[in-house]
């Protein structure tokens, strides 16, 4: 269970799409 601090460019371009791709984890 993840909490994100900072929802700008790097979150939207890298981290959150990667978590979506790993939604099984």
PDBML (XML) file of the C-alpha atoms, coordinates in Angstrom:
<?xml version="1.0" encoding="UTF-8" ?>
<PDBx:datablock datablockName="MODEL"
   xmlns:PDBx="http://pdbml.pdb.org/schema/pdbx-v50.xsd"
   xmlns:xsi="http://www.w3.org/2001/XMLSchema-instance"
   xsi:schemaLocation="http://pdbml.pdb.org/schema/pdbx-v50.xsd pdbx-v50.xsd">
   <PDBx:atom_siteCategory>
      <PDBx:atom_site id="1">
         <PDBx:B_iso_or_equiv>0.00</PDBx:B_iso_or_equiv>
         <PDBx:Cartn_x>0.000</PDBx:Cartn_x>
         <PDBx:Cartn_y>0.000</PDBx:Cartn_y>
         <PDBx:Cartn_z>0.000</PDBx:Cartn_z>
         <PDBx:auth_asym_id>A</PDBx:auth_asym_id>
         <PDBx:auth_atom_id>CA</PDBx:auth_atom_id>
         <PDBx:auth_comp_id>UNK</PDBx:auth_comp_id>
         <PDBx:auth_seq_id>1</PDBx:auth_seq_id>
         <PDBx:group_PDB>ATOM</PDBx:group_PDB>
         <PDBx:label_alt_id xsi:nil="true" />
         <PDBx:label_asym_id>A</PDBx:label_asym_id>
         <PDBx:label_atom_id>CA</PDBx:label_atom_id>
         <PDBx:label_comp_id>UNK</PDBx:label_comp_id>
         <PDBx:label_entity_id>1</PDBx:label_entity_id>
         <PDBx:label_seq_id>1</PDBx:label_seq_id>
         <PDBx:occupancy>1.00</PDBx:occupancy>
         <PDBx:pdbx_PDB_model_num>1</PDBx:pdbx_PDB_model_num>
         <PDBx:type_symbol>C</PDBx:type_symbol>
      </PDBx:atom_site>
      <PDBx:atom_site id="2">
         <PDBx:B_iso_or_equiv>0.00</PDBx:B_iso_or_equiv>
         <PDBx:Cartn_x>1.695</PDBx:Cartn_x>
         <PDBx:Cartn_y>3.164</PDBx:Cartn_y>
         <PDBx:Cartn_z>-1.293</PDBx:Cartn_z>
         <PDBx:auth_asym_id>A</PDBx:auth_asym_id>
         <PDBx:auth_atom_id>CA</PDBx:auth_atom_id>
         <PDBx:auth_comp_id>UNK</PDBx:auth_comp_id>
         <PDBx:auth_seq_id>2</PDBx:auth_seq_id>
         <PDBx:group_PDB>ATOM</PDBx:group_PDB>
         <PDBx:label_alt_id xsi:nil="true" />
         <PDBx:label_asym_id>A</PDBx:label_asym_id>
         <PDBx:label_atom_id>CA</PDBx:label_atom_id>
         <PDBx:label_comp_id>UNK</PDBx:label_comp_id>
         <PDBx:label_entity_id>1</PDBx:label_entity_id>
         <PDBx:label_seq_id>2</PDBx:label_seq_id>
         <PDBx:occupancy>1.00</PDBx:occupancy>
         <PDBx:pdbx_PDB_model_num>1</PDBx:pdbx_PDB_model_num>
         <PDBx:type_symbol>C</PDBx:type_symbol>
      </PDBx:atom_site>
      <PDBx:atom_site id="3">
         <PDBx:B_iso_or_equiv>0.00</PDBx:B_iso_or_equiv>
         <PDBx:Cartn_x>1.419</PDBx:Cartn_x>
         <PDBx:Cartn_y>6.837</PDBx:Cartn_y>
         <PDBx:Cartn_z>-0.448</PDBx:Cartn_z>
         <PDBx:auth_asym_id>A</PDBx:auth_asym_id>
         <PDBx:auth_atom_id>CA</PDBx:auth_atom_id>
         <PDBx:auth_comp_id>UNK</PDBx:auth_comp_id>
         <PDBx:auth_seq_id>3</PDBx:auth_seq_id>
         <PDBx:group_PDB>ATOM</PDBx:group_PDB>
         <PDBx:label_alt_id xsi:nil="true" />
         <PDBx:label_asym_id>A</PDBx:label_asym_id>
         <PDBx:label_atom_id>CA</PDBx:label_atom_id>
         <PDBx:label_comp_id>UNK</PDBx:label_comp_id>
         <PDBx:label_entity_id>1</PDBx:label_entity_id>
         <PDBx:label_seq_id>3</PDBx:label_seq_id>
         <PDBx:occupancy>1.00</PDBx:occupancy>
         <PDBx:pdbx_PDB_model_num>1</PDBx:pdbx_PDB_model_num>
         <PDBx:type_symbol>C</PDBx:type_symbol>
      </PDBx:atom_site>
      <PDBx:atom_site id="4">
         <PDBx:B_iso_or_equiv>0.00</PDBx:B_iso_or_equiv>
         <PDBx:Cartn_x>2.725</PDBx:Cartn_x>
         <PDBx:Cartn_y>9.391</PDBx:Cartn_y>
         <PDBx:Cartn_z>-2.944</PDBx:Cartn_z>
         <PDBx:auth_asym_id>A</PDBx:auth_asym_id>
         <PDBx:auth_atom_id>CA</PDBx:auth_atom_id>
         <PDBx:auth_comp_id>UNK</PDBx:auth_comp_id>
         <PDBx:auth_seq_id>4</PDBx:auth_seq_id>
         <PDBx:group_PDB>ATOM</PDBx:group_PDB>
         <PDBx:label_alt_id xsi:nil="true" />
         <PDBx:label_asym_id>A</PDBx:label_asym_id>
         <PDBx:label_atom_id>CA</PDBx:label_atom_id>
         <PDBx:label_comp_id>UNK</PDBx:label_comp_id>
         <PDBx:label_entity_id>1</PDBx:label_entity_id>
         <PDBx:label_seq_id>4</PDBx:label_seq_id>
         <PDBx:occupancy>1.00</PDBx:occupancy>
         <PDBx:pdbx_PDB_model_num>1</PDBx:pdbx_PDB_model_num>
         <PDBx:type_symbol>C</PDBx:type_symbol>
      </PDBx:atom_site>
      <PDBx:atom_site id="5">
         <PDBx:B_iso_or_equiv>0.00</PDBx:B_iso_or_equiv>
         <PDBx:Cartn_x>4.182</PDBx:Cartn_x>
         <PDBx:Cartn_y>12.731</PDBx:Cartn_y>
         <PDBx:Cartn_z>-1.855</PDBx:Cartn_z>
         <PDBx:auth_asym_id>A</PDBx:auth_asym_id>
         <PDBx:auth_atom_id>CA</PDBx:auth_atom_id>
         <PDBx:auth_comp_id>UNK</PDBx:auth_comp_id>
         <PDBx:auth_seq_id>5</PDBx:auth_seq_id>
         <PDBx:group_PDB>ATOM</PDBx:group_PDB>
         <PDBx:label_alt_id xsi:nil="true" />
         <PDBx:label_asym_id>A</PDBx:label_asym_id>
         <PDBx:label_atom_id>CA</PDBx:label_atom_id>
         <PDBx:label_comp_id>UNK</PDBx:label_comp_id>
         <PDBx:label_entity_id>1</PDBx:label_entity_id>
         <PDBx:label_seq_id>5</PDBx:label_seq_id>
         <PDBx:occupancy>1.00</PDBx:occupancy>
         <PDBx:pdbx_PDB_model_num>1</PDBx:pdbx_PDB_model_num>
         <PDBx:type_symbol>C</PDBx:type_symbol>
      </PDBx:atom_site>
      <PDBx:atom_site id="6">
         <PDBx:B_iso_or_equiv>0.00</PDBx:B_iso_or_equiv>
         <PDBx:Cartn_x>4.583</PDBx:Cartn_x>
         <PDBx:Cartn_y>14.983</PDBx:Cartn_y>
         <PDBx:Cartn_z>-4.884</PDBx:Cartn_z>
         <PDBx:auth_asym_id>A</PDBx:auth_asym_id>
         <PDBx:auth_atom_id>CA</PDBx:auth_atom_id>
         <PDBx:auth_comp_id>UNK</PDBx:auth_comp_id>
         <PDBx:auth_seq_id>6</PDBx:auth_seq_id>
         <PDBx:group_PDB>ATOM</PDBx:group_PDB>
         <PDBx:label_alt_id xsi:nil="true" />
         <PDBx:label_asym_id>A</PDBx:label_asym_id>
         <PDBx:label_atom_id>CA</PDBx:label_atom_id>
         <PDBx:label_comp_id>UNK</PDBx:label_comp_id>
         <PDBx:label_entity_id>1</PDBx:label_entity_id>
         <PDBx:label_seq_id>6</PDBx:label_seq_id>
         <PDBx:occupancy>1.00</PDBx:occupancy>
         <PDBx:pdbx_PDB_model_num>1</PDBx:pdbx_PDB_model_num>
         <PDBx:type_symbol>C</PDBx:type_symbol>
      </PDBx:atom_site>
      <PDBx:atom_site id="7">
         <PDBx:B_iso_or_equiv>0.00</PDBx:B_iso_or_equiv>
         <PDBx:Cartn_x>2.219</PDBx:Cartn_x>
         <PDBx:Cartn_y>14.518</PDBx:Cartn_y>
         <PDBx:Cartn_z>-7.825</PDBx:Cartn_z>
         <PDBx:auth_asym_id>A</PDBx:auth_asym_id>
         <PDBx:auth_atom_id>CA</PDBx:auth_atom_id>
         <PDBx:auth_comp_id>UNK</PDBx:auth_comp_id>
         <PDBx:auth_seq_id>7</PDBx:auth_seq_id>
         <PDBx:group_PDB>ATOM</PDBx:group_PDB>
         <PDBx:label_alt_id xsi:nil="true" />
         <PDBx:label_asym_id>A</PDBx:label_asym_id>
         <PDBx:label_atom_id>CA</PDBx:label_atom_id>
         <PDBx:label_comp_id>UNK</PDBx:label_comp_id>
         <PDBx:label_entity_id>1</PDBx:label_entity_id>
         <PDBx:label_seq_id>7</PDBx:label_seq_id>
         <PDBx:occupancy>1.00</PDBx:occupancy>
         <PDBx:pdbx_PDB_model_num>1</PDBx:pdbx_PDB_model_num>
         <PDBx:type_symbol>C</PDBx:type_symbol>
      </PDBx:atom_site>
      <PDBx:atom_site id="8">
         <PDBx:B_iso_or_equiv>0.00</PDBx:B_iso_or_equiv>
         <PDBx:Cartn_x>4.152</PDBx:Cartn_x>
         <PDBx:Cartn_y>16.462</PDBx:Cartn_y>
         <PDBx:Cartn_z>-10.458</PDBx:Cartn_z>
         <PDBx:auth_asym_id>A</PDBx:auth_asym_id>
         <PDBx:auth_atom_id>CA</PDBx:auth_atom_id>
         <PDBx:auth_comp_id>UNK</PDBx:auth_comp_id>
         <PDBx:auth_seq_id>8</PDBx:auth_seq_id>
         <PDBx:group_PDB>ATOM</PDBx:group_PDB>
         <PDBx:label_alt_id xsi:nil="true" />
         <PDBx:label_asym_id>A</PDBx:label_asym_id>
         <PDBx:label_atom_id>CA</PDBx:label_atom_id>
         <PDBx:label_comp_id>UNK</PDBx:label_comp_id>
         <PDBx:label_entity_id>1</PDBx:label_entity_id>
         <PDBx:label_seq_id>8</PDBx:label_seq_id>
         <PDBx:occupancy>1.00</PDBx:occupancy>
         <PDBx:pdbx_PDB_model_num>1</PDBx:pdbx_PDB_model_num>
         <PDBx:type_symbol>C</PDBx:type_symbol>
      </PDBx:atom_site>
      <PDBx:atom_site id="9">
         <PDBx:B_iso_or_equiv>0.00</PDBx:B_iso_or_equiv>
         <PDBx:Cartn_x>6.048</PDBx:Cartn_x>
         <PDBx:Cartn_y>15.472</PDBx:Cartn_y>
         <PDBx:Cartn_z>-13.586</PDBx:Cartn_z>
         <PDBx:auth_asym_id>A</PDBx:auth_asym_id>
         <PDBx:auth_atom_id>CA</PDBx:auth_atom_id>
         <PDBx:auth_comp_id>UNK</PDBx:auth_comp_id>
         <PDBx:auth_seq_id>9</PDBx:auth_seq_id>
         <PDBx:group_PDB>ATOM</PDBx:group_PDB>
         <PDBx:label_alt_id xsi:nil="true" />
         <PDBx:label_asym_id>A</PDBx:label_asym_id>
         <PDBx:label_atom_id>CA</PDBx:label_atom_id>
         <PDBx:label_comp_id>UNK</PDBx:label_comp_id>
         <PDBx:label_entity_id>1</PDBx:label_entity_id>
         <PDBx:label_seq_id>9</PDBx:label_seq_id>
         <PDBx:occupancy>1.00</PDBx:occupancy>
         <PDBx:pdbx_PDB_model_num>1</PDBx:pdbx_PDB_model_num>
         <PDBx:type_symbol>C</PDBx:type_symbol>
      </PDBx:atom_site>
      <PDBx:atom_site id="10">
         <PDBx:B_iso_or_equiv>0.00</PDBx:B_iso_or_equiv>
         <PDBx:Cartn_x>8.235</PDBx:Cartn_x>
         <PDBx:Cartn_y>12.623</PDBx:Cartn_y>
         <PDBx:Cartn_z>-12.357</PDBx:Cartn_z>
         <PDBx:auth_asym_id>A</PDBx:auth_asym_id>
         <PDBx:auth_atom_id>CA</PDBx:auth_atom_id>
         <PDBx:auth_comp_id>UNK</PDBx:auth_comp_id>
         <PDBx:auth_seq_id>10</PDBx:auth_seq_id>
         <PDBx:group_PDB>ATOM</PDBx:group_PDB>
         <PDBx:label_alt_id xsi:nil="true" />
         <PDBx:label_asym_id>A</PDBx:label_asym_id>
         <PDBx:label_atom_id>CA</PDBx:label_atom_id>
         <PDBx:label_comp_id>UNK</PDBx:label_comp_id>
         <PDBx:label_entity_id>1</PDBx:label_entity_id>
         <PDBx:label_seq_id>10</PDBx:label_seq_id>
         <PDBx:occupancy>1.00</PDBx:occupancy>
         <PDBx:pdbx_PDB_model_num>1</PDBx:pdbx_PDB_model_num>
         <PDBx:type_symbol>C</PDBx:type_symbol>
      </PDBx:atom_site>
      <PDBx:atom_site id="11">
         <PDBx:B_iso_or_equiv>0.00</PDBx:B_iso_or_equiv>
         <PDBx:Cartn_x>5.302</PDBx:Cartn_x>
         <PDBx:Cartn_y>11.035</PDBx:Cartn_y>
         <PDBx:Cartn_z>-10.517</PDBx:Cartn_z>
         <PDBx:auth_asym_id>A</PDBx:auth_asym_id>
         <PDBx:auth_atom_id>CA</PDBx:auth_atom_id>
         <PDBx:auth_comp_id>UNK</PDBx:auth_comp_id>
         <PDBx:auth_seq_id>11</PDBx:auth_seq_id>
         <PDBx:group_PDB>ATOM</PDBx:group_PDB>
         <PDBx:label_alt_id xsi:nil="true" />
         <PDBx:label_asym_id>A</PDBx:label_asym_id>
         <PDBx:label_atom_id>CA</PDBx:label_atom_id>
         <PDBx:label_comp_id>UNK</PDBx:label_comp_id>
         <PDBx:label_entity_id>1</PDBx:label_entity_id>
         <PDBx:label_seq_id>11</PDBx:label_seq_id>
         <PDBx:occupancy>1.00</PDBx:occupancy>
         <PDBx:pdbx_PDB_model_num>1</PDBx:pdbx_PDB_model_num>
         <PDBx:type_symbol>C</PDBx:type_symbol>
      </PDBx:atom_site>
      <PDBx:atom_site id="12">
         <PDBx:B_iso_or_equiv>0.00</PDBx:B_iso_or_equiv>
         <PDBx:Cartn_x>3.056</PDBx:Cartn_x>
         <PDBx:Cartn_y>11.139</PDBx:Cartn_y>
         <PDBx:Cartn_z>-13.584</PDBx:Cartn_z>
         <PDBx:auth_asym_id>A</PDBx:auth_asym_id>
         <PDBx:auth_atom_id>CA</PDBx:auth_atom_id>
         <PDBx:auth_comp_id>UNK</PDBx:auth_comp_id>
         <PDBx:auth_seq_id>12</PDBx:auth_seq_id>
         <PDBx:group_PDB>ATOM</PDBx:group_PDB>
         <PDBx:label_alt_id xsi:nil="true" />
         <PDBx:label_asym_id>A</PDBx:label_asym_id>
         <PDBx:label_atom_id>CA</PDBx:label_atom_id>
         <PDBx:label_comp_id>UNK</PDBx:label_comp_id>
         <PDBx:label_entity_id>1</PDBx:label_entity_id>
         <PDBx:label_seq_id>12</PDBx:label_seq_id>
         <PDBx:occupancy>1.00</PDBx:occupancy>
         <PDBx:pdbx_PDB_model_num>1</PDBx:pdbx_PDB_model_num>
         <PDBx:type_symbol>C</PDBx:type_symbol>
      </PDBx:atom_site>
      <PDBx:atom_site id="13">
         <PDBx:B_iso_or_equiv>0.00</PDBx:B_iso_or_equiv>
         <PDBx:Cartn_x>5.688</PDBx:Cartn_x>
         <PDBx:Cartn_y>10.267</PDBx:Cartn_y>
         <PDBx:Cartn_z>-16.156</PDBx:Cartn_z>
         <PDBx:auth_asym_id>A</PDBx:auth_asym_id>
         <PDBx:auth_atom_id>CA</PDBx:auth_atom_id>
         <PDBx:auth_comp_id>UNK</PDBx:auth_comp_id>
         <PDBx:auth_seq_id>13</PDBx:auth_seq_id>
         <PDBx:group_PDB>ATOM</PDBx:group_PDB>
         <PDBx:label_alt_id xsi:nil="true" />
         <PDBx:label_asym_id>A</PDBx:label_asym_id>
         <PDBx:label_atom_id>CA</PDBx:label_atom_id>
         <PDBx:label_comp_id>UNK</PDBx:label_comp_id>
         <PDBx:label_entity_id>1</PDBx:label_entity_id>
         <PDBx:label_seq_id>13</PDBx:label_seq_id>
         <PDBx:occupancy>1.00</PDBx:occupancy>
         <PDBx:pdbx_PDB_model_num>1</PDBx:pdbx_PDB_model_num>
         <PDBx:type_symbol>C</PDBx:type_symbol>
      </PDBx:atom_site>
      <PDBx:atom_site id="14">
         <PDBx:B_iso_or_equiv>0.00</PDBx:B_iso_or_equiv>
         <PDBx:Cartn_x>7.592</PDBx:Cartn_x>
         <PDBx:Cartn_y>7.534</PDBx:Cartn_y>
         <PDBx:Cartn_z>-14.317</PDBx:Cartn_z>
         <PDBx:auth_asym_id>A</PDBx:auth_asym_id>
         <PDBx:auth_atom_id>CA</PDBx:auth_atom_id>
         <PDBx:auth_comp_id>UNK</PDBx:auth_comp_id>
         <PDBx:auth_seq_id>14</PDBx:auth_seq_id>
         <PDBx:group_PDB>ATOM</PDBx:group_PDB>
         <PDBx:label_alt_id xsi:nil="true" />
         <PDBx:label_asym_id>A</PDBx:label_asym_id>
         <PDBx:label_atom_id>CA</PDBx:label_atom_id>
         <PDBx:label_comp_id>UNK</PDBx:label_comp_id>
         <PDBx:label_entity_id>1</PDBx:label_entity_id>
         <PDBx:label_seq_id>14</PDBx:label_seq_id>
         <PDBx:occupancy>1.00</PDBx:occupancy>
         <PDBx:pdbx_PDB_model_num>1</PDBx:pdbx_PDB_model_num>
         <PDBx:type_symbol>C</PDBx:type_symbol>
      </PDBx:atom_site>
      <PDBx:atom_site id="15">
         <PDBx:B_iso_or_equiv>0.00</PDBx:B_iso_or_equiv>
         <PDBx:Cartn_x>6.409</PDBx:Cartn_x>
         <PDBx:Cartn_y>6.308</PDBx:Cartn_y>
         <PDBx:Cartn_z>-10.951</PDBx:Cartn_z>
         <PDBx:auth_asym_id>A</PDBx:auth_asym_id>
         <PDBx:auth_atom_id>CA</PDBx:auth_atom_id>
         <PDBx:auth_comp_id>UNK</PDBx:auth_comp_id>
         <PDBx:auth_seq_id>15</PDBx:auth_seq_id>
         <PDBx:group_PDB>ATOM</PDBx:group_PDB>
         <PDBx:label_alt_id xsi:nil="true" />
         <PDBx:label_asym_id>A</PDBx:label_asym_id>
         <PDBx:label_atom_id>CA</PDBx:label_atom_id>
         <PDBx:label_comp_id>UNK</PDBx:label_comp_id>
         <PDBx:label_entity_id>1</PDBx:label_entity_id>
         <PDBx:label_seq_id>15</PDBx:label_seq_id>
         <PDBx:occupancy>1.00</PDBx:occupancy>
         <PDBx:pdbx_PDB_model_num>1</PDBx:pdbx_PDB_model_num>
         <PDBx:type_symbol>C</PDBx:type_symbol>
      </PDBx:atom_site>
      <PDBx:atom_site id="16">
         <PDBx:B_iso_or_equiv>0.00</PDBx:B_iso_or_equiv>
         <PDBx:Cartn_x>2.625</PDBx:Cartn_x>
         <PDBx:Cartn_y>6.119</PDBx:Cartn_y>
         <PDBx:Cartn_z>-11.114</PDBx:Cartn_z>
         <PDBx:auth_asym_id>A</PDBx:auth_asym_id>
         <PDBx:auth_atom_id>CA</PDBx:auth_atom_id>
         <PDBx:auth_comp_id>UNK</PDBx:auth_comp_id>
         <PDBx:auth_seq_id>16</PDBx:auth_seq_id>
         <PDBx:group_PDB>ATOM</PDBx:group_PDB>
         <PDBx:label_alt_id xsi:nil="true" />
         <PDBx:label_asym_id>A</PDBx:label_asym_id>
         <PDBx:label_atom_id>CA</PDBx:label_atom_id>
         <PDBx:label_comp_id>UNK</PDBx:label_comp_id>
         <PDBx:label_entity_id>1</PDBx:label_entity_id>
         <PDBx:label_seq_id>16</PDBx:label_seq_id>
         <PDBx:occupancy>1.00</PDBx:occupancy>
         <PDBx:pdbx_PDB_model_num>1</PDBx:pdbx_PDB_model_num>
         <PDBx:type_symbol>C</PDBx:type_symbol>
      </PDBx:atom_site>
      <PDBx:atom_site id="17">
         <PDBx:B_iso_or_equiv>0.00</PDBx:B_iso_or_equiv>
         <PDBx:Cartn_x>2.510</PDBx:Cartn_x>
         <PDBx:Cartn_y>4.498</PDBx:Cartn_y>
         <PDBx:Cartn_z>-14.575</PDBx:Cartn_z>
         <PDBx:auth_asym_id>A</PDBx:auth_asym_id>
         <PDBx:auth_atom_id>CA</PDBx:auth_atom_id>
         <PDBx:auth_comp_id>UNK</PDBx:auth_comp_id>
         <PDBx:auth_seq_id>17</PDBx:auth_seq_id>
         <PDBx:group_PDB>ATOM</PDBx:group_PDB>
         <PDBx:label_alt_id xsi:nil="true" />
         <PDBx:label_asym_id>A</PDBx:label_asym_id>
         <PDBx:label_atom_id>CA</PDBx:label_atom_id>
         <PDBx:label_comp_id>UNK</PDBx:label_comp_id>
         <PDBx:label_entity_id>1</PDBx:label_entity_id>
         <PDBx:label_seq_id>17</PDBx:label_seq_id>
         <PDBx:occupancy>1.00</PDBx:occupancy>
         <PDBx:pdbx_PDB_model_num>1</PDBx:pdbx_PDB_model_num>
         <PDBx:type_symbol>C</PDBx:type_symbol>
      </PDBx:atom_site>
      <PDBx:atom_site id="18">
         <PDBx:B_iso_or_equiv>0.00</PDBx:B_iso_or_equiv>
         <PDBx:Cartn_x>5.071</PDBx:Cartn_x>
         <PDBx:Cartn_y>1.960</PDBx:Cartn_y>
         <PDBx:Cartn_z>-13.334</PDBx:Cartn_z>
         <PDBx:auth_asym_id>A</PDBx:auth_asym_id>
         <PDBx:auth_atom_id>CA</PDBx:auth_atom_id>
         <PDBx:auth_comp_id>UNK</PDBx:auth_comp_id>
         <PDBx:auth_seq_id>18</PDBx:auth_seq_id>
         <PDBx:group_PDB>ATOM</PDBx:group_PDB>
         <PDBx:label_alt_id xsi:nil="true" />
         <PDBx:label_asym_id>A</PDBx:label_asym_id>
         <PDBx:label_atom_id>CA</PDBx:label_atom_id>
         <PDBx:label_comp_id>UNK</PDBx:label_comp_id>
         <PDBx:label_entity_id>1</PDBx:label_entity_id>
         <PDBx:label_seq_id>18</PDBx:label_seq_id>
         <PDBx:occupancy>1.00</PDBx:occupancy>
         <PDBx:pdbx_PDB_model_num>1</PDBx:pdbx_PDB_model_num>
         <PDBx:type_symbol>C</PDBx:type_symbol>
      </PDBx:atom_site>
      <PDBx:atom_site id="19">
         <PDBx:B_iso_or_equiv>0.00</PDBx:B_iso_or_equiv>
         <PDBx:Cartn_x>2.906</PDBx:Cartn_x>
         <PDBx:Cartn_y>1.160</PDBx:Cartn_y>
         <PDBx:Cartn_z>-10.305</PDBx:Cartn_z>
         <PDBx:auth_asym_id>A</PDBx:auth_asym_id>
         <PDBx:auth_atom_id>CA</PDBx:auth_atom_id>
         <PDBx:auth_comp_id>UNK</PDBx:auth_comp_id>
         <PDBx:auth_seq_id>19</PDBx:auth_seq_id>
         <PDBx:group_PDB>ATOM</PDBx:group_PDB>
         <PDBx:label_alt_id xsi:nil="true" />
         <PDBx:label_asym_id>A</PDBx:label_asym_id>
         <PDBx:label_atom_id>CA</PDBx:label_atom_id>
         <PDBx:label_comp_id>UNK</PDBx:label_comp_id>
         <PDBx:label_entity_id>1</PDBx:label_entity_id>
         <PDBx:label_seq_id>19</PDBx:label_seq_id>
         <PDBx:occupancy>1.00</PDBx:occupancy>
         <PDBx:pdbx_PDB_model_num>1</PDBx:pdbx_PDB_model_num>
         <PDBx:type_symbol>C</PDBx:type_symbol>
      </PDBx:atom_site>
      <PDBx:atom_site id="20">
         <PDBx:B_iso_or_equiv>0.00</PDBx:B_iso_or_equiv>
         <PDBx:Cartn_x>-0.101</PDBx:Cartn_x>
         <PDBx:Cartn_y>0.793</PDBx:Cartn_y>
         <PDBx:Cartn_z>-12.569</PDBx:Cartn_z>
         <PDBx:auth_asym_id>A</PDBx:auth_asym_id>
         <PDBx:auth_atom_id>CA</PDBx:auth_atom_id>
         <PDBx:auth_comp_id>UNK</PDBx:auth_comp_id>
         <PDBx:auth_seq_id>20</PDBx:auth_seq_id>
         <PDBx:group_PDB>ATOM</PDBx:group_PDB>
         <PDBx:label_alt_id xsi:nil="true" />
         <PDBx:label_asym_id>A</PDBx:label_asym_id>
         <PDBx:label_atom_id>CA</PDBx:label_atom_id>
         <PDBx:label_comp_id>UNK</PDBx:label_comp_id>
         <PDBx:label_entity_id>1</PDBx:label_entity_id>
         <PDBx:label_seq_id>20</PDBx:label_seq_id>
         <PDBx:occupancy>1.00</PDBx:occupancy>
         <PDBx:pdbx_PDB_model_num>1</PDBx:pdbx_PDB_model_num>
         <PDBx:type_symbol>C</PDBx:type_symbol>
      </PDBx:atom_site>
      <PDBx:atom_site id="21">
         <PDBx:B_iso_or_equiv>0.00</PDBx:B_iso_or_equiv>
         <PDBx:Cartn_x>1.886</PDBx:Cartn_x>
         <PDBx:Cartn_y>-1.681</PDBx:Cartn_y>
         <PDBx:Cartn_z>-14.683</PDBx:Cartn_z>
         <PDBx:auth_asym_id>A</PDBx:auth_asym_id>
         <PDBx:auth_atom_id>CA</PDBx:auth_atom_id>
         <PDBx:auth_comp_id>UNK</PDBx:auth_comp_id>
         <PDBx:auth_seq_id>21</PDBx:auth_seq_id>
         <PDBx:group_PDB>ATOM</PDBx:group_PDB>
         <PDBx:label_alt_id xsi:nil="true" />
         <PDBx:label_asym_id>A</PDBx:label_asym_id>
         <PDBx:label_atom_id>CA</PDBx:label_atom_id>
         <PDBx:label_comp_id>UNK</PDBx:label_comp_id>
         <PDBx:label_entity_id>1</PDBx:label_entity_id>
         <PDBx:label_seq_id>21</PDBx:label_seq_id>
         <PDBx:occupancy>1.00</PDBx:occupancy>
         <PDBx:pdbx_PDB_model_num>1</PDBx:pdbx_PDB_model_num>
         <PDBx:type_symbol>C</PDBx:type_symbol>
      </PDBx:atom_site>
      <PDBx:atom_site id="22">
         <PDBx:B_iso_or_equiv>0.00</PDBx:B_iso_or_equiv>
         <PDBx:Cartn_x>2.688</PDBx:Cartn_x>
         <PDBx:Cartn_y>-3.584</PDBx:Cartn_y>
         <PDBx:Cartn_z>-11.469</PDBx:Cartn_z>
         <PDBx:auth_asym_id>A</PDBx:auth_asym_id>
         <PDBx:auth_atom_id>CA</PDBx:auth_atom_id>
         <PDBx:auth_comp_id>UNK</PDBx:auth_comp_id>
         <PDBx:auth_seq_id>22</PDBx:auth_seq_id>
         <PDBx:group_PDB>ATOM</PDBx:group_PDB>
         <PDBx:label_alt_id xsi:nil="true" />
         <PDBx:label_asym_id>A</PDBx:label_asym_id>
         <PDBx:label_atom_id>CA</PDBx:label_atom_id>
         <PDBx:label_comp_id>UNK</PDBx:label_comp_id>
         <PDBx:label_entity_id>1</PDBx:label_entity_id>
         <PDBx:label_seq_id>22</PDBx:label_seq_id>
         <PDBx:occupancy>1.00</PDBx:occupancy>
         <PDBx:pdbx_PDB_model_num>1</PDBx:pdbx_PDB_model_num>
         <PDBx:type_symbol>C</PDBx:type_symbol>
      </PDBx:atom_site>
      <PDBx:atom_site id="23">
         <PDBx:B_iso_or_equiv>0.00</PDBx:B_iso_or_equiv>
         <PDBx:Cartn_x>-0.845</PDBx:Cartn_x>
         <PDBx:Cartn_y>-3.482</PDBx:Cartn_y>
         <PDBx:Cartn_z>-10.091</PDBx:Cartn_z>
         <PDBx:auth_asym_id>A</PDBx:auth_asym_id>
         <PDBx:auth_atom_id>CA</PDBx:auth_atom_id>
         <PDBx:auth_comp_id>UNK</PDBx:auth_comp_id>
         <PDBx:auth_seq_id>23</PDBx:auth_seq_id>
         <PDBx:group_PDB>ATOM</PDBx:group_PDB>
         <PDBx:label_alt_id xsi:nil="true" />
         <PDBx:label_asym_id>A</PDBx:label_asym_id>
         <PDBx:label_atom_id>CA</PDBx:label_atom_id>
         <PDBx:label_comp_id>UNK</PDBx:label_comp_id>
         <PDBx:label_entity_id>1</PDBx:label_entity_id>
         <PDBx:label_seq_id>23</PDBx:label_seq_id>
         <PDBx:occupancy>1.00</PDBx:occupancy>
         <PDBx:pdbx_PDB_model_num>1</PDBx:pdbx_PDB_model_num>
         <PDBx:type_symbol>C</PDBx:type_symbol>
      </PDBx:atom_site>
      <PDBx:atom_site id="24">
         <PDBx:B_iso_or_equiv>0.00</PDBx:B_iso_or_equiv>
         <PDBx:Cartn_x>-0.567</PDBx:Cartn_x>
         <PDBx:Cartn_y>-7.132</PDBx:Cartn_y>
         <PDBx:Cartn_z>-9.078</PDBx:Cartn_z>
         <PDBx:auth_asym_id>A</PDBx:auth_asym_id>
         <PDBx:auth_atom_id>CA</PDBx:auth_atom_id>
         <PDBx:auth_comp_id>UNK</PDBx:auth_comp_id>
         <PDBx:auth_seq_id>24</PDBx:auth_seq_id>
         <PDBx:group_PDB>ATOM</PDBx:group_PDB>
         <PDBx:label_alt_id xsi:nil="true" />
         <PDBx:label_asym_id>A</PDBx:label_asym_id>
         <PDBx:label_atom_id>CA</PDBx:label_atom_id>
         <PDBx:label_comp_id>UNK</PDBx:label_comp_id>
         <PDBx:label_entity_id>1</PDBx:label_entity_id>
         <PDBx:label_seq_id>24</PDBx:label_seq_id>
         <PDBx:occupancy>1.00</PDBx:occupancy>
         <PDBx:pdbx_PDB_model_num>1</PDBx:pdbx_PDB_model_num>
         <PDBx:type_symbol>C</PDBx:type_symbol>
      </PDBx:atom_site>
      <PDBx:atom_site id="25">
         <PDBx:B_iso_or_equiv>0.00</PDBx:B_iso_or_equiv>
         <PDBx:Cartn_x>1.943</PDBx:Cartn_x>
         <PDBx:Cartn_y>-6.077</PDBx:Cartn_y>
         <PDBx:Cartn_z>-6.415</PDBx:Cartn_z>
         <PDBx:auth_asym_id>A</PDBx:auth_asym_id>
         <PDBx:auth_atom_id>CA</PDBx:auth_atom_id>
         <PDBx:auth_comp_id>UNK</PDBx:auth_comp_id>
         <PDBx:auth_seq_id>25</PDBx:auth_seq_id>
         <PDBx:group_PDB>ATOM</PDBx:group_PDB>
         <PDBx:label_alt_id xsi:nil="true" />
         <PDBx:label_asym_id>A</PDBx:label_asym_id>
         <PDBx:label_atom_id>CA</PDBx:label_atom_id>
         <PDBx:label_comp_id>UNK</PDBx:label_comp_id>
         <PDBx:label_entity_id>1</PDBx:label_entity_id>
         <PDBx:label_seq_id>25</PDBx:label_seq_id>
         <PDBx:occupancy>1.00</PDBx:occupancy>
         <PDBx:pdbx_PDB_model_num>1</PDBx:pdbx_PDB_model_num>
         <PDBx:type_symbol>C</PDBx:type_symbol>
      </PDBx:atom_site>
   </PDBx:atom_siteCategory>
</PDBx:datablock>
